Protein backbone atom coordinates (compact mmCIF):
# COMPACT_ATOMS: atom_id res chain seq x y z
CA MET A 1 90.87 161.33 185.68
CA LYS A 2 88.10 158.74 185.35
CA HIS A 3 87.36 156.81 188.52
CA VAL A 4 87.88 153.09 187.94
CA LEU A 5 85.52 150.78 189.80
CA SER A 6 86.56 147.41 191.13
CA ARG A 7 85.59 144.48 188.92
CA SER A 8 84.48 142.68 192.10
CA ILE A 9 81.63 145.13 192.71
CA PRO A 10 78.90 142.88 191.21
CA SER A 11 79.73 140.20 193.79
CA LEU A 12 78.75 142.65 196.56
CA ILE A 13 76.21 144.96 194.94
CA ARG A 14 74.40 144.22 191.70
CA VAL A 15 73.09 146.84 189.31
CA ARG A 16 70.69 146.03 186.50
CA ALA A 17 69.06 148.43 184.05
CA GLY A 18 66.17 148.28 181.60
CA LYS A 19 66.83 148.49 177.89
CA ASP A 20 66.12 152.21 177.50
CA VAL A 21 68.49 153.34 180.27
CA LEU A 22 71.15 150.61 180.04
CA PRO A 23 73.47 152.55 177.64
CA ARG A 24 73.34 155.66 179.80
CA VAL A 25 74.01 153.74 183.02
CA ARG A 26 76.99 152.06 181.36
CA ASP A 27 78.31 155.47 180.32
CA THR A 28 77.52 157.58 183.40
CA GLY A 29 76.44 155.26 186.22
CA ILE A 30 73.43 156.02 188.42
CA THR A 31 72.82 159.75 188.00
CA PRO A 32 70.93 161.20 191.00
CA ARG A 33 69.41 164.11 189.07
CA THR A 34 67.59 161.67 186.77
CA ILE A 35 65.92 159.64 189.53
CA ARG A 36 62.20 160.45 189.57
CA LEU A 37 60.88 157.47 191.52
CA VAL A 38 62.38 155.26 194.24
CA ALA A 39 60.53 152.03 195.05
CA GLY A 40 60.75 149.78 198.08
CA SER A 41 59.40 146.28 197.51
CA ALA A 42 57.35 144.16 199.93
CA THR A 43 60.39 142.12 200.91
CA GLY A 44 59.60 141.23 204.51
CA PRO A 45 62.85 141.18 206.54
CA ARG A 46 64.99 140.68 203.42
CA TRP A 47 65.63 144.41 203.58
CA CYS A 48 68.20 143.63 206.30
CA ALA A 49 70.57 142.40 203.57
CA PHE A 50 70.59 145.71 201.68
CA ALA A 51 70.03 148.15 204.54
CA GLY A 52 73.27 149.94 203.64
CA VAL A 53 71.70 151.22 200.41
CA ASP A 54 68.84 152.74 202.42
CA ASP A 55 71.50 154.41 204.60
CA ALA A 56 73.04 156.01 201.53
CA VAL A 57 69.66 157.44 200.49
CA ALA A 58 68.98 158.63 204.05
CA HIS A 59 72.28 160.52 204.05
CA GLY A 60 71.52 162.31 200.79
CA ALA A 61 72.88 160.09 198.02
CA LEU A 62 70.06 161.26 195.75
CA SER A 63 70.16 164.91 196.77
CA GLY A 64 71.64 165.83 193.40
CA SER A 65 68.17 165.68 191.87
CA ASP A 66 66.77 168.84 190.33
CA ASP A 67 63.74 170.79 191.56
CA ARG A 68 61.38 167.94 190.75
CA LYS A 69 60.27 166.02 193.80
CA ILE A 70 61.24 162.36 194.03
CA ILE A 71 58.39 159.91 194.45
CA LEU A 72 58.95 157.40 197.26
CA THR A 73 56.68 154.42 196.81
CA GLY A 74 56.36 150.99 198.34
CA ALA A 75 54.27 148.33 200.00
CA SER A 76 54.54 146.48 203.31
CA ALA A 77 58.12 146.72 204.65
CA GLY A 78 58.99 148.79 201.59
CA ALA A 79 56.38 151.38 202.54
CA TRP A 80 57.74 151.47 206.10
CA ARG A 81 61.27 152.09 204.81
CA MET A 82 60.11 154.84 202.46
CA ALA A 83 58.15 156.49 205.29
CA ALA A 84 61.30 156.52 207.43
CA LEU A 85 63.34 157.98 204.58
CA SER A 86 60.89 160.85 204.20
CA SER A 87 60.79 161.83 207.90
CA TYR A 88 62.26 164.90 209.59
CA ASP A 89 65.41 162.94 210.47
CA PRO A 90 65.84 160.15 207.90
CA PRO A 91 68.92 158.47 209.47
CA GLY A 92 67.32 158.54 212.93
CA ALA A 93 63.93 157.35 211.68
CA LEU A 94 65.60 154.55 209.71
CA ARG A 95 67.41 153.36 212.85
CA ALA A 96 64.15 153.50 214.81
CA PHE A 97 62.35 151.58 212.07
CA ARG A 98 64.97 148.82 212.16
CA GLU A 99 64.83 148.49 215.93
CA ALA A 100 61.04 148.38 215.88
CA TYR A 101 60.85 145.90 213.01
CA ILE A 102 63.40 143.37 214.16
CA HIS A 103 62.10 143.40 217.74
CA MET A 104 58.54 142.56 216.69
CA HIS A 105 57.69 139.17 218.20
CA PHE A 106 54.56 137.15 217.51
CA HIS A 107 53.30 134.42 219.81
CA ALA A 108 51.68 131.30 218.38
CA ASN A 109 48.63 131.57 220.65
CA GLU A 110 47.88 135.26 220.08
CA SER A 111 45.09 136.43 217.81
CA PRO A 112 45.50 138.26 214.49
CA TYR A 113 44.19 141.35 216.28
CA ASP A 114 46.95 141.10 218.90
CA ARG A 115 49.51 140.92 216.07
CA ARG A 116 47.97 143.97 214.45
CA GLU A 117 48.53 145.87 217.69
CA THR A 118 52.20 144.85 217.51
CA LEU A 119 52.38 146.49 214.08
CA TYR A 120 50.71 149.65 215.39
CA ARG A 121 53.27 149.91 218.19
CA ALA A 122 56.13 149.40 215.73
CA VAL A 123 54.93 152.08 213.29
CA ARG A 124 54.29 154.60 216.05
CA SER A 125 57.78 154.03 217.44
CA PHE A 126 59.52 155.25 214.26
CA LEU A 127 56.95 157.65 212.79
CA SER A 128 56.66 160.69 215.04
CA LEU A 129 53.67 163.02 215.04
CA GLU A 130 55.88 165.73 213.54
CA SER A 131 56.93 163.44 210.68
CA ALA A 132 53.34 162.35 210.11
CA ARG A 133 52.38 166.00 209.67
CA LEU A 134 55.31 166.57 207.32
CA LEU A 135 54.85 163.60 205.00
CA PRO A 136 51.78 164.76 203.06
CA SER A 137 53.47 168.09 202.23
CA HIS A 138 57.11 167.06 202.13
CA PRO A 139 59.40 169.62 200.43
CA GLN A 140 61.55 166.96 198.72
CA TYR A 141 59.39 163.86 198.30
CA GLU A 142 55.98 162.82 197.07
CA LEU A 143 54.66 159.62 198.60
CA CYS A 144 52.68 156.68 197.29
CA PHE A 145 52.07 153.68 199.59
CA HIS A 146 50.15 150.60 198.49
CA ALA A 147 47.64 148.35 200.23
CA ALA A 148 45.00 145.86 199.12
CA GLN A 149 41.30 146.43 199.80
CA LEU A 150 39.80 142.98 200.29
CA GLY A 151 36.51 141.84 198.86
CA SER A 152 33.82 140.98 201.39
CA PHE A 153 34.59 137.25 201.21
CA LEU A 154 38.31 137.61 201.94
CA GLY A 155 37.74 140.35 204.49
CA ASN A 156 35.40 138.18 206.52
CA PRO A 157 36.61 137.74 210.14
CA ASN A 158 35.80 134.02 209.87
CA VAL A 159 39.24 132.46 209.29
CA ALA A 160 37.85 129.44 207.43
CA LEU A 161 35.95 131.61 204.94
CA SER A 162 38.91 133.91 204.48
CA PHE A 163 41.27 130.97 203.91
CA THR A 164 38.89 129.53 201.31
CA GLY A 165 38.76 132.90 199.60
CA PHE A 166 42.55 133.18 199.37
CA ALA A 167 42.80 129.62 198.06
CA ALA A 168 40.31 130.52 195.33
CA ALA A 169 42.23 133.71 194.56
CA MET A 170 45.47 131.75 194.16
CA ALA A 171 43.82 129.25 191.81
CA ALA A 172 42.24 132.01 189.72
CA ASN A 173 45.49 133.97 189.52
CA PHE A 174 47.28 130.90 188.22
CA ILE A 175 44.98 131.09 185.20
CA SER A 176 45.19 134.85 184.68
CA PRO A 177 46.00 137.98 186.74
CA ARG A 178 42.79 139.51 185.42
CA PHE A 179 40.90 137.53 188.05
CA GLN A 180 42.57 139.37 190.94
CA GLY A 181 39.90 142.05 190.71
CA LEU A 182 37.34 139.51 191.89
CA PHE A 183 39.11 139.27 195.23
CA TRP A 184 40.76 142.61 196.02
CA ARG A 185 41.52 146.05 194.68
CA GLY A 186 44.92 147.74 194.75
CA VAL A 187 44.82 151.08 196.56
CA ALA A 188 47.48 153.78 196.22
CA PHE A 189 47.52 156.14 199.19
CA GLU A 190 49.40 159.12 197.85
CA THR A 191 50.28 162.78 198.23
CA LEU A 192 50.61 163.22 194.45
CA GLU A 193 48.43 166.10 193.30
CA SER A 194 49.84 167.07 189.91
CA ARG A 195 47.81 165.99 186.92
CA HIS A 196 51.17 165.45 185.25
CA SER A 197 52.26 162.88 187.81
CA PRO A 198 54.32 160.02 186.35
CA VAL A 199 52.37 157.49 188.42
CA ARG A 200 49.96 155.76 186.06
CA ARG A 201 46.95 154.01 187.56
CA LEU A 202 46.67 150.33 186.76
CA ALA A 203 43.45 148.46 186.05
CA ASN A 204 41.55 147.62 189.25
CA TRP A 205 43.46 150.26 191.21
CA THR A 206 42.15 153.33 192.97
CA SER A 207 43.82 156.40 194.46
CA VAL A 208 43.20 157.80 197.96
CA PRO A 209 44.81 160.87 199.57
CA LEU A 210 47.56 160.10 202.08
CA THR A 211 47.12 162.36 205.11
CA GLU A 212 48.50 162.75 208.60
CA LYS A 213 45.23 161.25 209.90
CA ASN A 214 45.49 158.01 207.95
CA ILE A 215 49.20 157.40 207.36
CA ILE A 216 49.73 155.20 210.43
CA HIS A 217 46.68 153.10 209.52
CA VAL A 218 47.92 152.85 205.93
CA LEU A 219 51.36 151.59 206.98
CA VAL A 220 49.88 149.04 209.38
CA ALA A 221 47.44 147.81 206.74
CA SER A 222 50.18 147.54 204.13
CA GLY A 223 52.16 145.26 206.48
CA ALA A 224 49.24 143.12 207.67
CA VAL A 225 49.84 139.63 206.24
CA PRO A 226 46.49 137.92 205.48
CA LEU A 227 45.40 135.13 207.85
CA LYS A 228 48.26 136.04 210.20
CA VAL A 229 47.59 139.69 211.01
CA ALA A 230 44.15 141.31 211.05
CA GLY A 231 43.58 143.92 208.39
CA VAL A 232 42.65 147.52 209.10
CA ARG A 233 38.99 148.36 208.67
CA ASN A 234 37.69 151.68 207.34
CA ILE A 235 40.86 153.73 206.91
CA PRO A 236 40.09 157.49 207.12
CA SER A 237 39.47 159.13 203.68
CA ALA A 238 39.34 155.68 202.00
CA PRO A 239 36.31 153.67 200.85
CA ARG A 240 34.86 151.53 203.64
CA GLY A 241 36.32 148.04 203.83
CA VAL A 242 39.20 145.93 205.10
CA TYR A 243 42.75 146.79 203.99
CA CYS A 244 45.75 144.50 204.26
CA ASP A 245 49.14 143.47 202.85
CA GLY A 246 50.26 145.75 200.05
CA GLY A 247 52.25 142.83 198.63
CA LEU A 248 49.01 141.28 197.36
CA ALA A 249 48.66 144.16 194.92
CA ASP A 250 52.28 145.28 194.58
CA TYR A 251 54.97 142.79 195.61
CA ILE A 252 58.25 143.67 193.89
CA TRP A 253 57.39 145.76 190.82
CA ASN A 254 53.79 146.39 189.79
CA ARG A 255 53.97 149.90 188.41
CA GLU A 256 53.69 151.63 185.05
CA PRO A 257 55.39 154.99 185.63
CA PHE A 258 55.25 157.44 182.75
CA LEU A 259 58.72 158.96 182.78
CA GLN A 260 60.36 161.62 180.65
CA PRO A 261 63.38 160.65 178.48
CA ASP A 262 65.76 162.05 181.10
CA GLU A 263 64.05 160.31 184.05
CA THR A 264 64.58 156.89 185.60
CA ALA A 265 63.03 154.75 188.33
CA LEU A 266 65.13 153.06 191.02
CA LEU A 267 64.12 149.84 192.79
CA LEU A 268 65.95 148.86 195.98
CA HIS A 269 65.31 145.19 196.69
CA HIS A 270 66.83 141.83 197.57
CA GLY A 271 67.22 140.51 194.02
CA GLY A 272 65.46 137.77 192.09
CA PRO A 273 62.36 137.93 189.87
CA LEU A 274 60.33 141.13 189.81
CA TYR A 275 57.00 139.52 190.67
CA PRO A 276 54.14 142.03 190.19
CA THR A 277 52.06 140.56 193.04
CA TRP A 278 52.68 138.03 195.78
CA LEU A 279 50.46 135.43 194.09
CA ASP A 280 52.58 135.63 190.95
CA LYS A 281 55.26 133.69 192.84
CA LYS A 282 52.99 130.67 192.49
CA ALA A 283 51.89 131.32 188.91
CA GLY A 284 53.53 130.46 185.61
CA ARG A 285 54.35 132.61 182.59
CA LEU A 286 56.03 135.36 184.59
CA LYS A 287 57.32 137.14 181.49
CA SER A 288 53.80 137.88 180.29
CA ARG A 289 52.94 139.39 183.68
CA LEU A 290 55.91 141.74 184.07
CA ARG A 291 55.34 145.48 184.00
CA ASN A 292 57.34 147.98 181.97
CA LEU A 293 60.99 147.68 182.98
CA SER A 294 62.54 149.78 180.23
CA ARG A 295 63.44 152.79 182.41
CA LEU A 296 64.02 150.90 185.65
CA ILE A 297 67.33 150.47 187.51
CA THR A 298 67.55 147.84 190.25
CA VAL A 299 70.11 147.69 193.05
CA SER A 300 70.42 144.55 195.18
CA PRO A 301 73.01 142.68 197.28
CA GLY A 302 75.45 140.51 195.32
CA PRO A 303 76.09 136.78 195.78
CA GLU A 304 79.27 137.21 197.82
CA LEU A 305 77.52 139.47 200.31
CA ILE A 306 74.57 137.08 200.62
CA ALA A 307 76.94 134.15 201.16
CA SER A 308 78.51 136.05 204.07
CA LEU A 309 75.17 136.41 205.92
CA PRO A 310 74.17 134.01 208.72
CA GLU A 311 73.52 130.59 207.14
CA GLY A 312 74.49 132.19 203.80
CA ARG A 313 70.93 133.27 203.09
CA LEU A 314 68.57 136.23 203.18
CA PRO A 315 66.32 136.64 206.23
CA ASP A 316 62.66 135.90 205.57
CA ARG A 317 59.28 135.85 207.32
CA GLN A 318 59.67 132.18 208.23
CA ASP A 319 62.36 133.27 210.70
CA TRP A 320 59.58 134.44 213.00
CA ILE A 321 58.38 130.84 213.09
CA ARG A 322 61.81 129.14 213.06
CA PHE A 323 62.97 131.20 216.04
CA ALA A 324 59.62 131.54 217.80
CA LYS A 325 61.15 130.12 220.99
CA ALA A 326 64.46 131.93 220.54
CA PRO A 327 63.65 135.47 219.38
CA GLY A 328 67.01 136.69 220.63
CA GLU A 329 68.78 134.47 218.11
CA ARG A 330 66.60 135.77 215.28
CA ILE A 331 67.32 139.35 216.34
CA ARG A 332 71.05 138.63 216.51
CA ARG A 333 71.05 137.20 212.98
CA TRP A 334 69.05 140.04 211.50
CA LYS A 335 71.31 142.62 213.14
CA ALA A 336 74.31 140.75 211.74
CA CYS A 337 72.76 141.09 208.26
CA ILE A 338 72.28 144.83 208.73
CA GLN A 339 75.84 145.22 209.92
CA ARG A 340 77.21 143.21 207.00
CA SER A 341 75.16 145.26 204.54
CA SER A 342 76.75 148.50 205.77
CA ILE A 343 79.43 148.04 203.09
CA LEU A 344 76.75 148.77 200.50
CA GLN A 345 76.47 152.39 201.62
CA ASP A 346 79.92 153.30 200.33
CA LEU A 347 79.55 151.07 197.28
CA PHE A 348 76.29 152.79 196.34
CA TYR A 349 78.05 156.16 196.43
CA GLU A 350 80.70 154.72 194.10
CA LEU A 351 78.00 153.96 191.55
CA MET A 352 76.99 157.63 191.37
CA ASP A 353 77.98 159.48 188.18
CA THR A 354 80.67 156.89 187.40
CA PRO A 355 80.78 154.79 184.19
CA LEU A 356 79.71 151.26 185.06
CA GLU A 357 80.55 149.77 181.68
CA THR A 358 80.34 145.97 182.05
CA LEU A 359 79.46 146.17 185.77
CA VAL A 360 75.79 146.81 184.99
CA GLU A 361 73.62 143.99 183.62
CA ARG A 362 70.59 144.05 181.34
CA LEU A 363 67.39 143.81 183.40
CA THR A 364 64.90 141.16 182.29
CA GLY A 365 62.77 140.89 185.44
CA MET A 366 63.20 137.12 185.56
CA GLU A 367 66.61 136.97 187.23
CA ARG A 368 67.00 134.16 189.73
CA ASP A 369 69.43 136.03 192.03
């Protein structure tokens, strides 16, 4: 007997699919054995609102995949989540990640280098030495974490020069994304070794091996917000330079995976436009900048769930500033979001191998929610 899903599901969890996989998702739902790549976007604390989906993955929701390894990829907070999911104990590492992330507190009078040390402490608290050794040779996952290698002007420790450089980068990007290469290079730190890997290198991107000696530095660099947190200089095995926020090079979806007809990519994010880079939020003509979405499925919290969160909104980085003098209140709100999102774990399982029919929407990449 065919399982019948509730028509109210889209109000709590939204599923969208690119044109090539939309018919199949309508007929069979999200099929774990077809998932080749799982992406975590550079969402900042917005992940709190869809943490339940991460829980489902941590508890084996995608374990129905065949012998092919799944690629876990992400930038900034997305890279941290994917690192936790690929640890020895994914549920435990995910809990440790959440505790470390939401308890990070930044003082107004501390230096960017002090804030970088806060990130190092957070990463080390959820990524054990055993997991760091496992990640580069994981039996189930291949990993690909993104960071941005800054040009000498932007990587200058002089804040005024760096600020001027980022202002110039924003102005140039408004004209065309081709100018990004003048300011930084996207770097993929990865364990992928197969020449048949579905990860396709983009222009102005380079690949560096992800190892147990550099993974902590990579994760810290990927989460280091420019002008706020100092970048990481000279990451082991990588070209010399300063590395920072992966969202500069890969914000929501900035990938061109080459997938087989039976393979799909899955993006777990907060919803809204699929900006390729952070600067694309401030640029026009988004449609011309979007990457290939044809084989992509996105899963995000629905409007009813978001409305039920504190203040009826997603957490964001500005909360660190809004609640600078009341970090306990910020922590309480973020934990409330995580708790509310727990309903998504069961709902995500319901989407597995079940016809979604009209419950899945066509993905355009320009959705506003």
